[in-house]
Amino acid sequence: MKSHPIDQVLDTSGLSCPLPLLKAKQALNRLESGQLLQVIATDAGSVRDFRAYTDQVAHTLLESAEEDGRYIYIIQRG
């Protein structure tokens, strides 16, 4: 993963769909435009969910990676 200046980290490890996405939406609502949220998830379904969500809203999925069964997303608030 690239180095990004993360403003908030949200660890949703152990949570199943749709909770990682719902918690990320709440966290994004608390950030200011341009700030970055890093989300850590263990639910494989989150890959599809985060991509679909960011395709439909003003937020940008800057990065998505899988490391040792953990899915890590960097999302910039729109």
PDB file of N, CA and C in Angstrom:
ATOM      1  N   MET A   1       0.834  -1.180   0.000  1.00  0.00           N
ATOM      2  CA  MET A   1       0.000   0.000   0.000  1.00  0.00           C
ATOM      3  C   MET A   1       0.881   1.247   0.000  1.00  0.00           C
ATOM      4  N   LYS A   2       0.365   2.268  -0.619  1.00  0.00           N
ATOM      5  CA  LYS A   2       1.057   3.549  -0.633  1.00  0.00           C
ATOM      6  C   LYS A   2       0.887   4.236   0.717  1.00  0.00           C
ATOM      7  N   SER A   3       1.744   5.197   0.963  1.00  0.00           N
ATOM      8  CA  SER A   3       1.641   5.955   2.206  1.00  0.00           C
ATOM      9  C   SER A   3       0.713   7.149   1.997  1.00  0.00           C
ATOM     10  N   HIS A   4      -0.366   7.176   2.745  1.00  0.00           N
ATOM     11  CA  HIS A   4      -1.331   8.267   2.679  1.00  0.00           C
ATOM     12  C   HIS A   4      -1.414   8.903   4.063  1.00  0.00           C
ATOM     13  N   PRO A   5      -1.628  10.206   4.147  1.00  0.00           N
ATOM     14  CA  PRO A   5      -1.811  10.855   5.448  1.00  0.00           C
ATOM     15  C   PRO A   5      -3.228  10.578   5.977  1.00  0.00           C
ATOM     16  N   ILE A   6      -3.373   9.505   6.729  1.00  0.00           N
ATOM     17  CA  ILE A   6      -4.680   9.048   7.211  1.00  0.00           C
ATOM     18  C   ILE A   6      -5.184   9.961   8.328  1.00  0.00           C
ATOM     19  N   ASP A   7      -6.429  10.379   8.226  1.00  0.00           N
ATOM     20  CA  ASP A   7      -7.041  11.221   9.250  1.00  0.00           C
ATOM     21  C   ASP A   7      -7.764  10.399  10.317  1.00  0.00           C
ATOM     22  N   GLN A   8      -8.293   9.236   9.923  1.00  0.00           N
ATOM     23  CA  GLN A   8      -8.977   8.371  10.887  1.00  0.00           C
ATOM     24  C   GLN A   8      -8.848   6.925  10.437  1.00  0.00           C
ATOM     25  N   VAL A   9      -8.680   6.030  11.411  1.00  0.00           N
ATOM     26  CA  VAL A   9      -8.629   4.594  11.139  1.00  0.00           C
ATOM     27  C   VAL A   9      -9.851   3.953  11.784  1.00  0.00           C
ATOM     28  N   LEU A  10     -10.540   3.113  11.027  1.00  0.00           N
ATOM     29  CA  LEU A  10     -11.714   2.397  11.499  1.00  0.00           C
ATOM     30  C   LEU A  10     -11.460   0.905  11.341  1.00  0.00           C
ATOM     31  N   ASP A  11     -11.396   0.181  12.452  1.00  0.00           N
ATOM     32  CA  ASP A  11     -11.164  -1.259  12.416  1.00  0.00           C
ATOM     33  C   ASP A  11     -12.497  -1.984  12.603  1.00  0.00           C
ATOM     34  N   THR A  12     -12.958  -2.617  11.540  1.00  0.00           N
ATOM     35  CA  THR A  12     -14.221  -3.351  11.593  1.00  0.00           C
ATOM     36  C   THR A  12     -13.981  -4.862  11.553  1.00  0.00           C
ATOM     37  N   SER A  13     -12.798  -5.280  11.923  1.00  0.00           N
ATOM     38  CA  SER A  13     -12.450  -6.702  11.920  1.00  0.00           C
ATOM     39  C   SER A  13     -13.469  -7.502  12.716  1.00  0.00           C
ATOM     40  N   GLY A  14     -13.883  -8.638  12.153  1.00  0.00           N
ATOM     41  CA  GLY A  14     -14.836  -9.516  12.818  1.00  0.00           C
ATOM     42  C   GLY A  14     -16.288  -9.198  12.530  1.00  0.00           C
ATOM     43  N   LEU A  15     -16.553  -8.046  11.933  1.00  0.00           N
ATOM     44  CA  LEU A  15     -17.932  -7.671  11.612  1.00  0.00           C
ATOM     45  C   LEU A  15     -18.306  -8.182  10.225  1.00  0.00           C
ATOM     46  N   SER A  16     -19.545  -8.624  10.090  1.00  0.00           N
ATOM     47  CA  SER A  16     -20.031  -9.133   8.804  1.00  0.00           C
ATOM     48  C   SER A  16     -20.830  -8.068   8.077  1.00  0.00           C
ATOM     49  N   CYS A  17     -20.962  -8.272   6.782  1.00  0.00           N
ATOM     50  CA  CYS A  17     -21.729  -7.388   5.917  1.00  0.00           C
ATOM     51  C   CYS A  17     -23.132  -7.218   6.485  1.00  0.00           C
ATOM     52  N   PRO A  18     -23.676  -6.050   6.533  1.00  0.00           N
ATOM     53  CA  PRO A  18     -23.226  -4.774   5.972  1.00  0.00           C
ATOM     54  C   PRO A  18     -22.556  -3.851   6.997  1.00  0.00           C
ATOM     55  N   LEU A  19     -22.219  -4.363   8.192  1.00  0.00           N
ATOM     56  CA  LEU A  19     -21.704  -3.502   9.254  1.00  0.00           C
ATOM     57  C   LEU A  19     -20.422  -2.740   8.911  1.00  0.00           C
ATOM     58  N   PRO A  20     -19.422  -3.347   8.240  1.00  0.00           N
ATOM     59  CA  PRO A  20     -18.232  -2.552   7.912  1.00  0.00           C
ATOM     60  C   PRO A  20     -18.566  -1.307   7.079  1.00  0.00           C
ATOM     61  N   LEU A  21     -19.438  -1.459   6.108  1.00  0.00           N
ATOM     62  CA  LEU A  21     -19.817  -0.325   5.268  1.00  0.00           C
ATOM     63  C   LEU A  21     -20.639   0.699   6.053  1.00  0.00           C
ATOM     64  N   LEU A  22     -21.568   0.245   6.871  1.00  0.00           N
ATOM     65  CA  LEU A  22     -22.378   1.168   7.657  1.00  0.00           C
ATOM     66  C   LEU A  22     -21.516   1.987   8.616  1.00  0.00           C
ATOM     67  N   LYS A  23     -20.562   1.346   9.273  1.00  0.00           N
ATOM     68  CA  LYS A  23     -19.680   2.063  10.192  1.00  0.00           C
ATOM     69  C   LYS A  23     -18.776   3.027   9.427  1.00  0.00           C
ATOM     70  N   ALA A  24     -18.361   2.636   8.223  1.00  0.00           N
ATOM     71  CA  ALA A  24     -17.535   3.532   7.397  1.00  0.00           C
ATOM     72  C   ALA A  24     -18.334   4.763   6.976  1.00  0.00           C
ATOM     73  N   LYS A  25     -19.591   4.572   6.619  1.00  0.00           N
ATOM     74  CA  LYS A  25     -20.444   5.710   6.249  1.00  0.00           C
ATOM     75  C   LYS A  25     -20.561   6.688   7.407  1.00  0.00           C
ATOM     76  N   GLN A  26     -20.755   6.174   8.612  1.00  0.00           N
ATOM     77  CA  GLN A  26     -20.852   7.034   9.795  1.00  0.00           C
ATOM     78  C   GLN A  26     -19.551   7.792  10.025  1.00  0.00           C
ATOM     79  N   ALA A  27     -18.433   7.105   9.880  1.00  0.00           N
ATOM     80  CA  ALA A  27     -17.129   7.744  10.083  1.00  0.00           C
ATOM     81  C   ALA A  27     -16.883   8.816   9.025  1.00  0.00           C
ATOM     82  N   LEU A  28     -17.242   8.537   7.782  1.00  0.00           N
ATOM     83  CA  LEU A  28     -17.059   9.514   6.705  1.00  0.00           C
ATOM     84  C   LEU A  28     -17.893  10.763   6.952  1.00  0.00           C
ATOM     85  N   ASN A  29     -19.072  10.599   7.525  1.00  0.00           N
ATOM     86  CA  ASN A  29     -19.931  11.749   7.815  1.00  0.00           C
ATOM     87  C   ASN A  29     -19.308  12.698   8.837  1.00  0.00           C
ATOM     88  N   ARG A  30     -18.420  12.173   9.668  1.00  0.00           N
ATOM     89  CA  ARG A  30     -17.766  13.000  10.679  1.00  0.00           C
ATOM     90  C   ARG A  30     -16.497  13.682  10.159  1.00  0.00           C
ATOM     91  N   LEU A  31     -16.019  13.256   8.997  1.00  0.00           N
ATOM     92  CA  LEU A  31     -14.809  13.847   8.424  1.00  0.00           C
ATOM     93  C   LEU A  31     -15.159  15.060   7.566  1.00  0.00           C
ATOM     94  N   GLU A  32     -14.148  15.883   7.334  1.00  0.00           N
ATOM     95  CA  GLU A  32     -14.321  17.029   6.443  1.00  0.00           C
ATOM     96  C   GLU A  32     -13.938  16.621   5.027  1.00  0.00           C
ATOM     97  N   SER A  33     -14.418  17.357   4.063  1.00  0.00           N
ATOM     98  CA  SER A  33     -14.117  17.084   2.657  1.00  0.00           C
ATOM     99  C   SER A  33     -12.605  17.028   2.450  1.00  0.00           C
ATOM    100  N   GLY A  34     -12.159  15.980   1.766  1.00  0.00           N
ATOM    101  CA  GLY A  34     -10.739  15.821   1.466  1.00  0.00           C
ATOM    102  C   GLY A  34      -9.989  14.958   2.473  1.00  0.00           C
ATOM    103  N   GLN A  35     -10.567  14.732   3.653  1.00  0.00           N
ATOM    104  CA  GLN A  35      -9.892  13.907   4.652  1.00  0.00           C
ATOM    105  C   GLN A  35      -9.972  12.430   4.267  1.00  0.00           C
ATOM    106  N   LEU A  36      -9.028  11.646   4.825  1.00  0.00           N
ATOM    107  CA  LEU A  36      -8.925  10.239   4.467  1.00  0.00           C
ATOM    108  C   LEU A  36      -9.302   9.324   5.623  1.00  0.00           C
ATOM    109  N   LEU A  37     -10.070   8.300   5.288  1.00  0.00           N
ATOM    110  CA  LEU A  37     -10.471   7.262   6.228  1.00  0.00           C
ATOM    111  C   LEU A  37      -9.839   5.952   5.782  1.00  0.00           C
ATOM    112  N   GLN A  38      -9.173   5.282   6.720  1.00  0.00           N
ATOM    113  CA  GLN A  38      -8.668   3.938   6.453  1.00  0.00           C
ATOM    114  C   GLN A  38      -9.595   2.962   7.158  1.00  0.00           C
ATOM    115  N   VAL A  39     -10.114   2.002   6.413  1.00  0.00           N
ATOM    116  CA  VAL A  39     -11.002   0.989   6.977  1.00  0.00           C
ATOM    117  C   VAL A  39     -10.301  -0.364   6.887  1.00  0.00           C
ATOM    118  N   ILE A  40     -10.325  -1.089   7.999  1.00  0.00           N
ATOM    119  CA  ILE A  40      -9.785  -2.448   8.038  1.00  0.00           C
ATOM    120  C   ILE A  40     -10.964  -3.383   8.268  1.00  0.00           C
ATOM    121  N   ALA A  41     -11.100  -4.372   7.401  1.00  0.00           N
ATOM    122  CA  ALA A  41     -12.215  -5.314   7.485  1.00  0.00           C
ATOM    123  C   ALA A  41     -11.699  -6.736   7.289  1.00  0.00           C
ATOM    124  N   THR A  42     -12.477  -7.707   7.745  1.00  0.00           N
ATOM    125  CA  THR A  42     -12.133  -9.114   7.524  1.00  0.00           C
ATOM    126  C   THR A  42     -13.181  -9.822   6.676  1.00  0.00           C
ATOM    127  N   ASP A  43     -14.261  -9.153   6.370  1.00  0.00           N
ATOM    128  CA  ASP A  43     -15.344  -9.714   5.563  1.00  0.00           C
ATOM    129  C   ASP A  43     -15.008  -9.576   4.077  1.00  0.00           C
ATOM    130  N   ALA A  44     -14.871 -10.700   3.382  1.00  0.00           N
ATOM    131  CA  ALA A  44     -14.516 -10.678   1.961  1.00  0.00           C
ATOM    132  C   ALA A  44     -15.562  -9.940   1.125  1.00  0.00           C
ATOM    133  N   GLY A  45     -16.805  -9.934   1.572  1.00  0.00           N
ATOM    134  CA  GLY A  45     -17.864  -9.227   0.847  1.00  0.00           C
ATOM    135  C   GLY A  45     -17.681  -7.723   0.860  1.00  0.00           C
ATOM    136  N   SER A  46     -16.839  -7.237   1.756  1.00  0.00           N
ATOM    137  CA  SER A  46     -16.620  -5.794   1.836  1.00  0.00           C
ATOM    138  C   SER A  46     -15.944  -5.254   0.580  1.00  0.00           C
ATOM    139  N   VAL A  47     -15.201  -6.089  -0.123  1.00  0.00           N
ATOM    140  CA  VAL A  47     -14.532  -5.649  -1.355  1.00  0.00           C
ATOM    141  C   VAL A  47     -15.576  -5.135  -2.341  1.00  0.00           C
ATOM    142  N   ARG A  48     -16.588  -5.916  -2.573  1.00  0.00           N
ATOM    143  CA  ARG A  48     -17.671  -5.536  -3.483  1.00  0.00           C
ATOM    144  C   ARG A  48     -18.446  -4.334  -2.941  1.00  0.00           C
ATOM    145  N   ASP A  49     -18.741  -4.368  -1.643  1.00  0.00           N
ATOM    146  CA  ASP A  49     -19.545  -3.312  -1.027  1.00  0.00           C
ATOM    147  C   ASP A  49     -18.885  -1.939  -1.111  1.00  0.00           C
ATOM    148  N   PHE A  50     -17.606  -1.863  -0.748  1.00  0.00           N
ATOM    149  CA  PHE A  50     -16.922  -0.570  -0.746  1.00  0.00           C
ATOM    150  C   PHE A  50     -16.753  -0.016  -2.160  1.00  0.00           C
ATOM    151  N   ARG A  51     -16.471  -0.901  -3.114  1.00  0.00           N
ATOM    152  CA  ARG A  51     -16.319  -0.444  -4.495  1.00  0.00           C
ATOM    153  C   ARG A  51     -17.657   0.087  -5.037  1.00  0.00           C
ATOM    154  N   ALA A  52     -18.726  -0.643  -4.801  1.00  0.00           N
ATOM    155  CA  ALA A  52     -20.050  -0.229  -5.277  1.00  0.00           C
ATOM    156  C   ALA A  52     -20.479   1.076  -4.611  1.00  0.00           C
ATOM    157  N   TYR A  53     -20.241   1.186  -3.311  1.00  0.00           N
ATOM    158  CA  TYR A  53     -20.628   2.393  -2.579  1.00  0.00           C
ATOM    159  C   TYR A  53     -19.897   3.622  -3.112  1.00  0.00           C
ATOM    160  N   THR A  54     -18.577   3.523  -3.244  1.00  0.00           N
ATOM    161  CA  THR A  54     -17.811   4.694  -3.687  1.00  0.00           C
ATOM    162  C   THR A  54     -18.071   5.031  -5.160  1.00  0.00           C
ATOM    163  N   ASP A  55     -18.545   4.078  -5.934  1.00  0.00           N
ATOM    164  CA  ASP A  55     -18.925   4.369  -7.324  1.00  0.00           C
ATOM    165  C   ASP A  55     -20.210   5.204  -7.387  1.00  0.00           C
ATOM    166  N   GLN A  56     -21.006   5.170  -6.322  1.00  0.00           N
ATOM    167  CA  GLN A  56     -22.315   5.827  -6.329  1.00  0.00           C
ATOM    168  C   GLN A  56     -22.341   7.157  -5.576  1.00  0.00           C
ATOM    169  N   VAL A  57     -21.287   7.477  -4.840  1.00  0.00           N
ATOM    170  CA  VAL A  57     -21.274   8.686  -4.009  1.00  0.00           C
ATOM    171  C   VAL A  57     -20.079   9.561  -4.380  1.00  0.00           C
ATOM    172  N   ALA A  58     -19.967  10.694  -3.705  1.00  0.00           N
ATOM    173  CA  ALA A  58     -18.891  11.646  -4.005  1.00  0.00           C
ATOM    174  C   ALA A  58     -17.555  11.252  -3.377  1.00  0.00           C
ATOM    175  N   HIS A  59     -17.534  10.231  -2.533  1.00  0.00           N
ATOM    176  CA  HIS A  59     -16.285   9.794  -1.923  1.00  0.00           C
ATOM    177  C   HIS A  59     -15.467   8.987  -2.929  1.00  0.00           C
ATOM    178  N   THR A  60     -14.130   8.969  -2.734  1.00  0.00           N
ATOM    179  CA  THR A  60     -13.242   8.281  -3.658  1.00  0.00           C
ATOM    180  C   THR A  60     -12.500   7.151  -2.957  1.00  0.00           C
ATOM    181  N   LEU A  61     -12.569   5.954  -3.533  1.00  0.00           N
ATOM    182  CA  LEU A  61     -11.793   4.826  -3.037  1.00  0.00           C
ATOM    183  C   LEU A  61     -10.397   4.951  -3.634  1.00  0.00           C
ATOM    184  N   LEU A  62      -9.452   5.436  -2.833  1.00  0.00           N
ATOM    185  CA  LEU A  62      -8.095   5.664  -3.323  1.00  0.00           C
ATOM    186  C   LEU A  62      -7.304   4.376  -3.435  1.00  0.00           C
ATOM    187  N   GLU A  63      -7.575   3.459  -2.515  1.00  0.00           N
ATOM    188  CA  GLU A  63      -6.799   2.231  -2.497  1.00  0.00           C
ATOM    189  C   GLU A  63      -7.590   1.115  -1.829  1.00  0.00           C
ATOM    190  N   SER A  64      -7.381  -0.093  -2.314  1.00  0.00           N
ATOM    191  CA  SER A  64      -8.008  -1.290  -1.760  1.00  0.00           C
ATOM    192  C   SER A  64      -6.967  -2.399  -1.834  1.00  0.00           C
ATOM    193  N   ALA A  65      -6.718  -3.069  -0.704  1.00  0.00           N
ATOM    194  CA  ALA A  65      -5.707  -4.124  -0.687  1.00  0.00           C
ATOM    195  C   ALA A  65      -6.123  -5.222   0.276  1.00  0.00           C
ATOM    196  N   GLU A  66      -5.578  -6.417   0.041  1.00  0.00           N
ATOM    197  CA  GLU A  66      -5.807  -7.545   0.934  1.00  0.00           C
ATOM    198  C   GLU A  66      -4.453  -7.955   1.494  1.00  0.00           C
ATOM    199  N   GLU A  67      -4.365  -8.038   2.817  1.00  0.00           N
ATOM    200  CA  GLU A  67      -3.123  -8.434   3.476  1.00  0.00           C
ATOM    201  C   GLU A  67      -3.447  -9.420   4.586  1.00  0.00           C
ATOM    202  N   ASP A  68      -3.037 -10.657   4.420  1.00  0.00           N
ATOM    203  CA  ASP A  68      -3.220 -11.687   5.449  1.00  0.00           C
ATOM    204  C   ASP A  68      -4.663 -11.814   5.929  1.00  0.00           C
ATOM    205  N   GLY A  69      -5.602 -11.833   5.003  1.00  0.00           N
ATOM    206  CA  GLY A  69      -7.010 -11.999   5.352  1.00  0.00           C
ATOM    207  C   GLY A  69      -7.691 -10.736   5.843  1.00  0.00           C
ATOM    208  N   ARG A  70      -6.983  -9.623   5.795  1.00  0.00           N
ATOM    209  CA  ARG A  70      -7.566  -8.323   6.165  1.00  0.00           C
ATOM    210  C   ARG A  70      -7.685  -7.489   4.896  1.00  0.00           C
ATOM    211  N   TYR A  71      -8.802  -6.823   4.767  1.00  0.00           N
ATOM    212  CA  TYR A  71      -9.057  -5.964   3.617  1.00  0.00           C
ATOM    213  C   TYR A  71      -8.916  -4.520   4.092  1.00  0.00           C
ATOM    214  N   ILE A  72      -8.071  -3.777   3.411  1.00  0.00           N
ATOM    215  CA  ILE A  72      -7.772  -2.409   3.831  1.00  0.00           C
ATOM    216  C   ILE A  72      -8.181  -1.456   2.728  1.00  0.00           C
ATOM    217  N   TYR A  73      -8.940  -0.437   3.112  1.00  0.00           N
ATOM    218  CA  TYR A  73      -9.448   0.547   2.162  1.00  0.00           C
ATOM    219  C   TYR A  73      -9.033   1.949   2.612  1.00  0.00           C
ATOM    220  N   ILE A  74      -8.669   2.760   1.655  1.00  0.00           N
ATOM    221  CA  ILE A  74      -8.391   4.169   1.905  1.00  0.00           C
ATOM    222  C   ILE A  74      -9.453   4.942   1.111  1.00  0.00           C
ATOM    223  N   ILE A  75     -10.291   5.685   1.839  1.00  0.00           N
ATOM    224  CA  ILE A  75     -11.396   6.418   1.206  1.00  0.00           C
ATOM    225  C   ILE A  75     -11.242   7.903   1.510  1.00  0.00           C
ATOM    226  N   GLN A  76     -11.337   8.704   0.457  1.00  0.00           N
ATOM    227  CA  GLN A  76     -11.283  10.149   0.623  1.00  0.00           C
ATOM    228  C   GLN A  76     -12.686  10.699   0.603  1.00  0.00           C
ATOM    229  N   ARG A  77     -13.016  11.471   1.643  1.00  0.00           N
ATOM    230  CA  ARG A  77     -14.352  12.074   1.702  1.00  0.00           C
ATOM    231  C   ARG A  77     -14.492  13.108   0.614  1.00  0.00           C
ATOM    232  N   GLY A  78     -15.618  13.028  -0.097  1.00  0.00           N
ATOM    233  CA  GLY A  78     -15.897  13.969  -1.186  1.00  0.00           C
ATOM    234  C   GLY A  78     -16.439  15.279  -0.695  1.00  0.00           C
TER     235      GLY A  78
END
